[in-house]
C-alpha atoms as a PDB file:
ATOM      1  CA  MET A   1    -147.568  93.951  26.777  1.00  0.00           C
ATOM      2  CA  GLU A   2    -146.355  93.096  23.243  1.00  0.00           C
ATOM      3  CA  LEU A   3    -147.007  96.299  21.356  1.00  0.00           C
ATOM      4  CA  THR A   4    -145.972  95.294  18.029  1.00  0.00           C
ATOM      5  CA  ASN A   5    -148.727  92.731  17.882  1.00  0.00           C
ATOM      6  CA  VAL A   6    -151.395  94.905  19.466  1.00  0.00           C
ATOM      7  CA  PHE A   7    -150.395  97.776  17.046  1.00  0.00           C
ATOM      8  CA  GLY A   8    -150.489  95.469  13.968  1.00  0.00           C
ATOM      9  CA  GLU A   9    -154.106  94.455  14.714  1.00  0.00           C
ATOM     10  CA  LEU A  10    -155.297  97.912  15.252  1.00  0.00           C
ATOM     11  CA  VAL A  11    -153.688  99.191  12.046  1.00  0.00           C
ATOM     12  CA  GLU A  12    -155.610  96.509  10.142  1.00  0.00           C
ATOM     13  CA  LYS A  13    -158.684  97.505  11.726  1.00  0.00           C
ATOM     14  CA  LEU A  14    -158.187 101.156  11.103  1.00  0.00           C
ATOM     15  CA  ARG A  15    -157.770 100.237   7.302  1.00  0.00           C
ATOM     16  CA  GLN A  16    -160.799  98.066   7.299  1.00  0.00           C
ATOM     17  CA  LYS A  17    -163.205 100.421   9.249  1.00  0.00           C
ATOM     18  CA  LYS A  18    -162.199 103.655   7.637  1.00  0.00           C
ATOM     19  CA  PRO A  19    -163.249 105.512  10.793  1.00  0.00           C
ATOM     20  CA  VAL A  20    -164.779 109.086  10.627  1.00  0.00           C
ATOM     21  CA  ILE A  21    -162.627 111.766  12.148  1.00  0.00           C
ATOM     22  CA  HIS A  22    -164.200 115.067  13.135  1.00  0.00           C
ATOM     23  CA  GLU A  23    -161.479 117.667  13.485  1.00  0.00           C
ATOM     24  CA  ILE A  24    -162.174 121.352  14.901  1.00  0.00           C
ATOM     25  CA  THR A  25    -158.890 122.312  14.085  1.00  0.00           C
ATOM     26  CA  ASN A  26    -156.755 125.251  12.763  1.00  0.00           C
ATOM     27  CA  TYR A  27    -156.686 126.956   9.489  1.00  0.00           C
ATOM     28  CA  VAL A  28    -152.827 126.602   9.131  1.00  0.00           C
ATOM     29  CA  THR A  29    -152.673 122.704   9.087  1.00  0.00           C
ATOM     30  CA  ALA A  30    -156.248 121.639   8.456  1.00  0.00           C
ATOM     31  CA  GLU A  31    -155.326 120.442   4.837  1.00  0.00           C
ATOM     32  CA  SER A  32    -152.200 118.420   6.275  1.00  0.00           C
ATOM     33  CA  CYS A  33    -154.330 116.776   8.863  1.00  0.00           C
ATOM     34  CA  ALA A  34    -157.002 115.778   6.471  1.00  0.00           C
ATOM     35  CA  ASP A  35    -154.290 114.251   4.098  1.00  0.00           C
ATOM     36  CA  VAL A  36    -152.880 112.340   6.939  1.00  0.00           C
ATOM     37  CA  ALA A  37    -156.192 110.986   7.948  1.00  0.00           C
ATOM     38  CA  LEU A  38    -156.697 109.764   4.450  1.00  0.00           C
ATOM     39  CA  ALA A  39    -153.211 108.293   4.198  1.00  0.00           C
ATOM     40  CA  ALA A  40    -153.736 106.323   7.358  1.00  0.00           C
ATOM     41  CA  GLY A  41    -157.172 104.915   6.085  1.00  0.00           C
ATOM     42  CA  ALA A  42    -159.567 107.345   7.885  1.00  0.00           C
ATOM     43  CA  SER A  43    -162.271 109.657   6.573  1.00  0.00           C
ATOM     44  CA  PRO A  44    -161.743 113.337   7.835  1.00  0.00           C
ATOM     45  CA  VAL A  45    -164.404 115.817   8.347  1.00  0.00           C
ATOM     46  CA  MET A  46    -163.648 119.455   9.133  1.00  0.00           C
ATOM     47  CA  ALA A  47    -166.681 121.321  10.416  1.00  0.00           C
ATOM     48  CA  ASP A  48    -166.513 124.161  13.108  1.00  0.00           C
ATOM     49  CA  GLU A  49    -169.751 125.905  12.857  1.00  0.00           C
ATOM     50  CA  PRO A  50    -171.347 125.847  16.405  1.00  0.00           C
ATOM     51  CA  GLU A  51    -174.927 125.278  14.863  1.00  0.00           C
ATOM     52  CA  GLU A  52    -173.756 121.832  13.321  1.00  0.00           C
ATOM     53  CA  VAL A  53    -171.012 120.305  15.177  1.00  0.00           C
ATOM     54  CA  GLU A  54    -173.161 118.262  17.488  1.00  0.00           C
ATOM     55  CA  GLU A  55    -174.741 116.585  14.676  1.00  0.00           C
ATOM     56  CA  ILE A  56    -171.436 116.007  12.912  1.00  0.00           C
ATOM     57  CA  THR A  57    -169.725 114.655  15.980  1.00  0.00           C
ATOM     58  CA  ALA A  58    -172.536 112.287  16.615  1.00  0.00           C
ATOM     59  CA  GLY A  59    -171.908 110.733  13.201  1.00  0.00           C
ATOM     60  CA  ALA A  60    -167.964 110.543  13.839  1.00  0.00           C
ATOM     61  CA  ASP A  61    -165.733 107.711  15.437  1.00  0.00           C
ATOM     62  CA  ALA A  62    -163.376 110.196  17.110  1.00  0.00           C
ATOM     63  CA  LEU A  63    -163.061 114.038  17.678  1.00  0.00           C
ATOM     64  CA  VAL A  64    -159.898 116.252  17.545  1.00  0.00           C
ATOM     65  CA  LEU A  65    -160.010 119.698  19.342  1.00  0.00           C
ATOM     66  CA  ASN A  66    -156.939 121.747  18.103  1.00  0.00           C
ATOM     67  CA  LEU A  67    -156.408 125.113  19.670  1.00  0.00           C
ATOM     68  CA  GLY A  68    -153.954 126.423  17.077  1.00  0.00           C
ATOM     69  CA  THR A  69    -156.289 129.258  15.808  1.00  0.00           C
ATOM     70  CA  ILE A  70    -158.664 129.393  18.593  1.00  0.00           C
ATOM     71  CA  SER A  71    -161.665 131.912  18.411  1.00  0.00           C
ATOM     72  CA  PHE A  72    -164.808 132.678  20.536  1.00  0.00           C
ATOM     73  CA  ASN A  73    -167.066 130.754  18.046  1.00  0.00           C
ATOM     74  CA  LYS A  74    -164.538 127.755  17.917  1.00  0.00           C
ATOM     75  CA  GLN A  75    -164.501 127.604  21.671  1.00  0.00           C
ATOM     76  CA  ILE A  76    -168.419 127.255  21.600  1.00  0.00           C
ATOM     77  CA  ALA A  77    -168.146 124.698  18.787  1.00  0.00           C
ATOM     78  CA  MET A  78    -165.585 122.731  20.627  1.00  0.00           C
ATOM     79  CA  GLU A  79    -167.395 122.657  23.867  1.00  0.00           C
ATOM     80  CA  ARG A  80    -170.626 121.626  22.044  1.00  0.00           C
ATOM     81  CA  ALA A  81    -168.761 118.935  20.232  1.00  0.00           C
ATOM     82  CA  ALA A  82    -167.038 117.559  23.050  1.00  0.00           C
ATOM     83  CA  ALA A  83    -170.202 117.228  25.249  1.00  0.00           C
ATOM     84  CA  ALA A  84    -171.807 115.410  22.254  1.00  0.00           C
ATOM     85  CA  ALA A  85    -168.864 113.096  21.960  1.00  0.00           C
ATOM     86  CA  LYS A  86    -169.067 112.468  25.746  1.00  0.00           C
ATOM     87  CA  LYS A  87    -172.770 111.610  25.713  1.00  0.00           C
ATOM     88  CA  LYS A  88    -172.066 108.962  22.850  1.00  0.00           C
ATOM     89  CA  GLY A  89    -168.711 107.615  24.182  1.00  0.00           C
ATOM     90  CA  ILE A  90    -166.730 109.003  21.111  1.00  0.00           C
ATOM     91  CA  PRO A  91    -163.110 109.502  22.032  1.00  0.00           C
ATOM     92  CA  VAL A  92    -161.774 113.122  22.215  1.00  0.00           C
ATOM     93  CA  VAL A  93    -158.228 113.981  21.561  1.00  0.00           C
ATOM     94  CA  LEU A  94    -157.100 117.496  22.646  1.00  0.00           C
ATOM     95  CA  ASP A  95    -154.125 119.349  20.878  1.00  0.00           C
ATOM     96  CA  PRO A  96    -153.533 122.210  23.303  1.00  0.00           C
ATOM     97  CA  VAL A  97    -151.600 124.333  20.761  1.00  0.00           C
ATOM     98  CA  GLY A  98    -149.806 127.504  22.689  1.00  0.00           C
ATOM     99  CA  VAL A  99    -151.361 127.121  25.963  1.00  0.00           C
ATOM    100  CA  MET A 100    -148.284 128.141  27.575  1.00  0.00           C
ATOM    101  CA  ALA A 101    -148.466 131.363  25.860  1.00  0.00           C
ATOM    102  CA  SER A 102    -151.998 132.393  26.275  1.00  0.00           C
ATOM    103  CA  THR A 103    -154.099 132.574  29.397  1.00  0.00           C
ATOM    104  CA  MET A 104    -157.092 132.221  27.271  1.00  0.00           C
ATOM    105  CA  ARG A 105    -156.129 129.030  25.567  1.00  0.00           C
ATOM    106  CA  LEU A 106    -154.789 127.673  28.887  1.00  0.00           C
ATOM    107  CA  ASN A 107    -158.210 128.306  30.841  1.00  0.00           C
ATOM    108  CA  PHE A 108    -160.138 126.914  27.978  1.00  0.00           C
ATOM    109  CA  ALA A 109    -157.990 123.831  27.860  1.00  0.00           C
ATOM    110  CA  LEU A 110    -158.458 123.204  31.691  1.00  0.00           C
ATOM    111  CA  GLN A 111    -162.165 123.980  31.281  1.00  0.00           C
ATOM    112  CA  LEU A 112    -162.435 120.960  28.810  1.00  0.00           C
ATOM    113  CA  LEU A 113    -160.131 118.838  30.895  1.00  0.00           C
ATOM    114  CA  ASN A 114    -161.945 119.620  34.050  1.00  0.00           C
ATOM    115  CA  LYS A 115    -165.322 118.978  32.727  1.00  0.00           C
ATOM    116  CA  GLY A 116    -164.026 115.314  31.841  1.00  0.00           C
ATOM    117  CA  TYR A 117    -164.378 115.584  28.153  1.00  0.00           C
ATOM    118  CA  ILE A 118    -160.837 114.690  27.050  1.00  0.00           C
ATOM    119  CA  ASP A 119    -159.764 111.379  26.631  1.00  0.00           C
ATOM    120  CA  ILE A 120    -156.185 112.071  25.204  1.00  0.00           C
ATOM    121  CA  VAL A 121    -154.159 114.945  25.134  1.00  0.00           C
ATOM    122  CA  ARG A 122    -151.055 115.206  22.655  1.00  0.00           C
ATOM    123  CA  GLY A 123    -148.860 118.012  23.194  1.00  0.00           C
ATOM    124  CA  ASN A 124    -145.235 119.061  23.637  1.00  0.00           C
ATOM    125  CA  TYR A 125    -143.442 119.464  26.957  1.00  0.00           C
ATOM    126  CA  SER A 126    -144.159 123.234  27.224  1.00  0.00           C
ATOM    127  CA  GLU A 127    -147.949 122.672  26.687  1.00  0.00           C
ATOM    128  CA  CYS A 128    -148.165 119.602  28.887  1.00  0.00           C
ATOM    129  CA  ASN A 129    -146.410 121.354  31.662  1.00  0.00           C
ATOM    130  CA  ALA A 130    -148.538 124.400  31.366  1.00  0.00           C
ATOM    131  CA  LEU A 131    -151.593 122.204  31.761  1.00  0.00           C
ATOM    132  CA  LEU A 132    -150.197 120.430  34.879  1.00  0.00           C
ATOM    133  CA  THR A 133    -149.171 123.590  36.557  1.00  0.00           C
ATOM    134  CA  GLY A 134    -151.909 125.922  35.196  1.00  0.00           C
ATOM    135  CA  SER A 135    -149.596 128.554  34.142  1.00  0.00           C
ATOM    136  CA  ALA A 136    -149.165 130.257  30.971  1.00  0.00           C
ATOM    137  CA  ALA A 137    -145.490 131.788  30.843  1.00  0.00           C
ATOM    138  CA  GLY A 138    -144.233 131.623  27.429  1.00  0.00           C
ATOM    139  CA  HIS A 139    -144.321 133.157  24.009  1.00  0.00           C
ATOM    140  CA  GLY A 140    -145.193 131.677  20.635  1.00  0.00           C
ATOM    141  CA  VAL A 141    -146.627 128.150  20.024  1.00  0.00           C
ATOM    142  CA  ASP A 142    -143.557 126.107  19.754  1.00  0.00           C
ATOM    143  CA  ASN A 143    -141.977 124.077  22.340  1.00  0.00           C
ATOM    144  CA  LEU A 144    -139.376 126.467  24.186  1.00  0.00           C
ATOM    145  CA  GLU A 145    -137.789 124.154  26.713  1.00  0.00           C
ATOM    146  CA  GLY A 146    -135.209 122.444  24.576  1.00  0.00           C
ATOM    147  CA  GLU A 147    -134.033 119.267  26.139  1.00  0.00           C
ATOM    148  CA  THR A 148    -135.300 118.431  29.558  1.00  0.00           C
ATOM    149  CA  GLU A 149    -133.575 116.127  32.030  1.00  0.00           C
ATOM    150  CA  GLU A 150    -133.978 112.478  31.620  1.00  0.00           C
ATOM    151  CA  GLY A 151    -137.402 111.377  33.347  1.00  0.00           C
ATOM    152  CA  VAL A 152    -138.712 115.036  33.721  1.00  0.00           C
ATOM    153  CA  ALA A 153    -140.865 114.828  30.873  1.00  0.00           C
ATOM    154  CA  LEU A 154    -142.098 111.292  31.884  1.00  0.00           C
ATOM    155  CA  LYS A 155    -142.963 112.554  35.194  1.00  0.00           C
ATOM    156  CA  VAL A 156    -144.952 115.509  33.729  1.00  0.00           C
ATOM    157  CA  ALA A 157    -146.877 113.025  31.420  1.00  0.00           C
ATOM    158  CA  LYS A 158    -147.538 110.789  34.393  1.00  0.00           C
ATOM    159  CA  ASP A 159    -148.552 113.602  36.728  1.00  0.00           C
ATOM    160  CA  ALA A 160    -150.796 115.427  34.192  1.00  0.00           C
ATOM    161  CA  ALA A 161    -152.609 111.944  33.322  1.00  0.00           C
ATOM    162  CA  LYS A 162    -153.262 111.214  36.936  1.00  0.00           C
ATOM    163  CA  LYS A 163    -154.493 114.785  37.564  1.00  0.00           C
ATOM    164  CA  PHE A 164    -156.876 114.878  34.687  1.00  0.00           C
ATOM    165  CA  ASN A 165    -157.721 111.236  34.447  1.00  0.00           C
ATOM    166  CA  CYS A 166    -156.806 110.989  30.823  1.00  0.00           C
ATOM    167  CA  VAL A 167    -153.874 109.879  28.651  1.00  0.00           C
ATOM    168  CA  PHE A 168    -151.201 112.309  28.139  1.00  0.00           C
ATOM    169  CA  ALA A 169    -148.906 111.822  25.003  1.00  0.00           C
ATOM    170  CA  LEU A 170    -146.012 114.189  25.548  1.00  0.00           C
ATOM    171  CA  THR A 171    -144.060 114.074  22.208  1.00  0.00           C
ATOM    172  CA  GLY A 172    -140.637 115.313  21.311  1.00  0.00           C
ATOM    173  CA  ALA A 173    -137.253 113.990  20.740  1.00  0.00           C
ATOM    174  CA  ILE A 174    -138.316 111.261  23.110  1.00  0.00           C
ATOM    175  CA  ASP A 175    -142.018 110.576  23.395  1.00  0.00           C
ATOM    176  CA  ASN A 176    -143.617 109.824  26.766  1.00  0.00           C
ATOM    177  CA  ILE A 177    -147.279 108.486  27.081  1.00  0.00           C
ATOM    178  CA  SER A 178    -148.900 107.802  30.290  1.00  0.00           C
ATOM    179  CA  ASN A 179    -152.340 107.025  31.705  1.00  0.00           C
ATOM    180  CA  GLY A 180    -151.195 107.936  35.298  1.00  0.00           C
ATOM    181  CA  LYS A 181    -150.384 104.354  36.277  1.00  0.00           C
ATOM    182  CA  GLN A 182    -148.511 102.935  33.273  1.00  0.00           C
ATOM    183  CA  ALA A 183    -146.147 104.411  30.674  1.00  0.00           C
ATOM    184  CA  VAL A 184    -144.651 104.044  27.373  1.00  0.00           C
ATOM    185  CA  VAL A 185    -141.452 105.624  26.283  1.00  0.00           C
ATOM    186  CA  LEU A 186    -140.781 105.902  22.610  1.00  0.00           C
ATOM    187  CA  ASN A 187    -137.729 106.937  20.634  1.00  0.00           C
ATOM    188  CA  ASN A 188    -139.058 107.553  17.031  1.00  0.00           C
ATOM    189  CA  GLY A 189    -138.972 110.139  14.675  1.00  0.00           C
ATOM    190  CA  HIS A 190    -136.392 112.497  12.710  1.00  0.00           C
ATOM    191  CA  PRO A 191    -135.147 116.109  13.473  1.00  0.00           C
ATOM    192  CA  LEU A 192    -136.871 117.308  10.210  1.00  0.00           C
ATOM    193  CA  LEU A 193    -140.214 117.055  11.974  1.00  0.00           C
ATOM    194  CA  GLN A 194    -139.326 120.247  13.735  1.00  0.00           C
ATOM    195  CA  ASP A 195    -138.696 122.032  10.366  1.00  0.00           C
ATOM    196  CA  ILE A 196    -142.348 121.626   8.929  1.00  0.00           C
ATOM    197  CA  THR A 197    -145.496 123.142   9.836  1.00  0.00           C
ATOM    198  CA  GLY A 198    -148.105 120.761  11.453  1.00  0.00           C
ATOM    199  CA  SER A 199    -146.007 117.728  12.537  1.00  0.00           C
ATOM    200  CA  GLY A 200    -147.703 117.831  16.068  1.00  0.00           C
ATOM    201  CA  CYS A 201    -151.216 118.523  14.602  1.00  0.00           C
ATOM    202  CA  MET A 202    -150.664 115.571  12.156  1.00  0.00           C
ATOM    203  CA  THR A 203    -149.792 113.302  15.059  1.00  0.00           C
ATOM    204  CA  SER A 204    -152.851 114.328  17.006  1.00  0.00           C
ATOM    205  CA  THR A 205    -154.758 113.188  13.934  1.00  0.00           C
ATOM    206  CA  LEU A 206    -153.078 109.978  13.857  1.00  0.00           C
ATOM    207  CA  VAL A 207    -153.804 109.430  17.526  1.00  0.00           C
ATOM    208  CA  ALA A 208    -157.241 109.940  16.815  1.00  0.00           C
ATOM    209  CA  CYS A 209    -157.535 107.598  13.940  1.00  0.00           C
ATOM    210  CA  CYS A 210    -156.175 104.943  16.355  1.00  0.00           C
ATOM    211  CA  ALA A 211    -158.451 105.957  19.140  1.00  0.00           C
ATOM    212  CA  ALA A 212    -161.388 105.270  16.866  1.00  0.00           C
ATOM    213  CA  VAL A 213    -160.558 101.637  16.666  1.00  0.00           C
ATOM    214  CA  THR A 214    -159.988 100.712  20.274  1.00  0.00           C
ATOM    215  CA  LYS A 215    -160.955 101.335  23.727  1.00  0.00           C
ATOM    216  CA  ASP A 216    -157.502 101.446  25.123  1.00  0.00           C
ATOM    217  CA  MET A 217    -156.565 105.216  24.863  1.00  0.00           C
ATOM    218  CA  MET A 218    -153.022 104.547  26.039  1.00  0.00           C
ATOM    219  CA  VAL A 219    -152.488 102.169  23.210  1.00  0.00           C
ATOM    220  CA  ALA A 220    -154.070 104.480  20.585  1.00  0.00           C
ATOM    221  CA  ALA A 221    -151.872 107.374  21.748  1.00  0.00           C
ATOM    222  CA  ALA A 222    -148.830 105.233  21.571  1.00  0.00           C
ATOM    223  CA  LEU A 223    -149.747 103.771  18.222  1.00  0.00           C
ATOM    224  CA  GLY A 224    -150.469 107.134  16.668  1.00  0.00           C
ATOM    225  CA  VAL A 225    -146.990 108.486  17.808  1.00  0.00           C
ATOM    226  CA  VAL A 226    -145.341 105.369  16.590  1.00  0.00           C
ATOM    227  CA  ILE A 227    -146.846 105.786  13.003  1.00  0.00           C
ATOM    228  CA  MET A 228    -145.699 109.418  12.735  1.00  0.00           C
ATOM    229  CA  GLY A 229    -142.113 108.600  14.191  1.00  0.00           C
ATOM    230  CA  GLN A 230    -141.706 105.510  12.091  1.00  0.00           C
ATOM    231  CA  SER A 231    -143.030 107.401   8.971  1.00  0.00           C
ATOM    232  CA  ALA A 232    -140.588 110.280   9.609  1.00  0.00           C
ATOM    233  CA  GLU A 233    -137.714 108.036   9.645  1.00  0.00           C
ATOM    234  CA  LEU A 234    -138.539 106.249   6.547  1.00  0.00           C
ATOM    235  CA  ALA A 235    -139.352 109.634   4.788  1.00  0.00           C
ATOM    236  CA  ALA A 236    -135.991 110.895   5.754  1.00  0.00           C
ATOM    237  CA  ASN A 237    -134.293 107.813   4.224  1.00  0.00           C
ATOM    238  CA  PHE A 238    -135.907 108.459   0.960  1.00  0.00           C
ATOM    239  CA  LEU A 239    -134.553 112.133   0.797  1.00  0.00           C
ATOM    240  CA  GLU A 240    -131.480 112.934  -1.587  1.00  0.00           C
ATOM    241  CA  LYS A 241    -128.925 115.576  -0.816  1.00  0.00           C
ATOM    242  CA  LYS A 242    -130.738 118.255  -2.720  1.00  0.00           C
ATOM    243  CA  ASP A 243    -133.844 117.740  -0.780  1.00  0.00           C
ATOM    244  CA  GLY A 244    -134.996 119.490   2.536  1.00  0.00           C
ATOM    245  CA  PRO A 245    -138.149 120.161   4.532  1.00  0.00           C
ATOM    246  CA  GLY A 246    -140.369 120.774   1.708  1.00  0.00           C
ATOM    247  CA  MET A 247    -139.855 117.241   0.079  1.00  0.00           C
ATOM    248  CA  PHE A 248    -139.590 115.766   3.482  1.00  0.00           C
ATOM    249  CA  LYS A 249    -143.204 116.826   4.132  1.00  0.00           C
ATOM    250  CA  VAL A 250    -144.344 115.417   0.972  1.00  0.00           C
ATOM    251  CA  ARG A 251    -142.586 112.040   1.657  1.00  0.00           C
ATOM    252  CA  LEU A 252    -143.863 112.027   5.183  1.00  0.00           C
ATOM    253  CA  LEU A 253    -147.631 111.794   3.735  1.00  0.00           C
ATOM    254  CA  ASP A 254    -146.517 108.894   1.409  1.00  0.00           C
ATOM    255  CA  CYS A 255    -144.739 107.038   4.170  1.00  0.00           C
ATOM    256  CA  ILE A 256    -147.799 107.235   6.638  1.00  0.00           C
ATOM    257  CA  TYR A 257    -149.602 105.472   3.627  1.00  0.00           C
ATOM    258  CA  HIS A 258    -146.801 102.960   3.377  1.00  0.00           C
ATOM    259  CA  ILE A 259    -146.460 102.252   7.198  1.00  0.00           C
ATOM    260  CA  THR A 260    -150.179 101.713   7.576  1.00  0.00           C
ATOM    261  CA  THR A 261    -150.495  99.490   4.668  1.00  0.00           C
ATOM    262  CA  LYS A 262    -147.419  97.550   5.143  1.00  0.00           C
ATOM    263  CA  TRP A 263    -147.183  97.185   8.959  1.00  0.00           C
ATOM    264  CA  ASN A 264    -144.232  94.785   8.573  1.00  0.00           C
ATOM    265  CA  LEU A 265    -142.127  97.922   7.857  1.00  0.00           C
ATOM    266  CA  VAL A 266    -142.089  98.922  11.505  1.00  0.00           C
ATOM    267  CA  LYS A 267    -139.459  97.669  13.834  1.00  0.00           C
ATOM    268  CA  MET A 268    -139.931  98.508  17.341  1.00  0.00           C
ATOM    269  CA  LYS A 269    -136.665  99.440  18.890  1.00  0.00           C
ATOM    270  CA  PRO A 270    -134.929  98.111  22.062  1.00  0.00           C
ATOM    271  CA  GLU A 271    -135.024 101.344  24.060  1.00  0.00           C
ATOM    272  CA  GLU A 272    -138.781 101.486  23.504  1.00  0.00           C
ATOM    273  CA  LYS A 273    -140.278 100.272  26.778  1.00  0.00           C
ATOM    274  CA  VAL A 274    -143.642  99.968  28.698  1.00  0.00           C
ATOM    275  CA  SER A 275    -143.671 100.534  32.432  1.00  0.00           C
END
């Protein structure tokens, strides 16, 4: 698979189609996710009232379910939206924020997965491993595992994808994406992504933008992750010595725009591979 050529075609399609992305997301990162969708060429809509989500979802091209600030009403809204998306063949991206720290979050995420509503899961190692094992044994919502041994994260992505029959995009210092049969390993990004709020949520948004313009969910997940990683590297290059995470986040939004309007800026690395 020649990823660069496939990705280039999809980025162009994304800009031309301007897909509508319905996000039932969290109040901590909602604005950042909306900005990212716009920068990538999509049109975000954020609606979480249970009485209207089915109608909103029916008019969208992709759906994001983000568990970051989950509530009883949001669970109702998410399940209704997911069912509506399933009925119309609209791709659904799950961001399982904090499922390793809360039994309620974990059980709800597993409920969505077991009902076959989810096409792509985009999470960190701790979150994806909790979904795979069915065990919530952490605290906080950030990845607490540190560096895992080589191949461990990839195995989690493959096993979880196979178990739930969907694509798992396990992001971190090394990104591992699998549909249970094939896998893509990517080495993109910058350490400053760990120092801003919402880098994972924004990546899930980009994955949804890509899922809206292709039927290949693994390619969509990989492209969304690549756009974020390459944008982060470009943003870091623009920083001056006096700059820190605040300016990095501002630059990141600019660079998502530049990466998706000038795809020739992207250079796939030798260590990035498909198996």
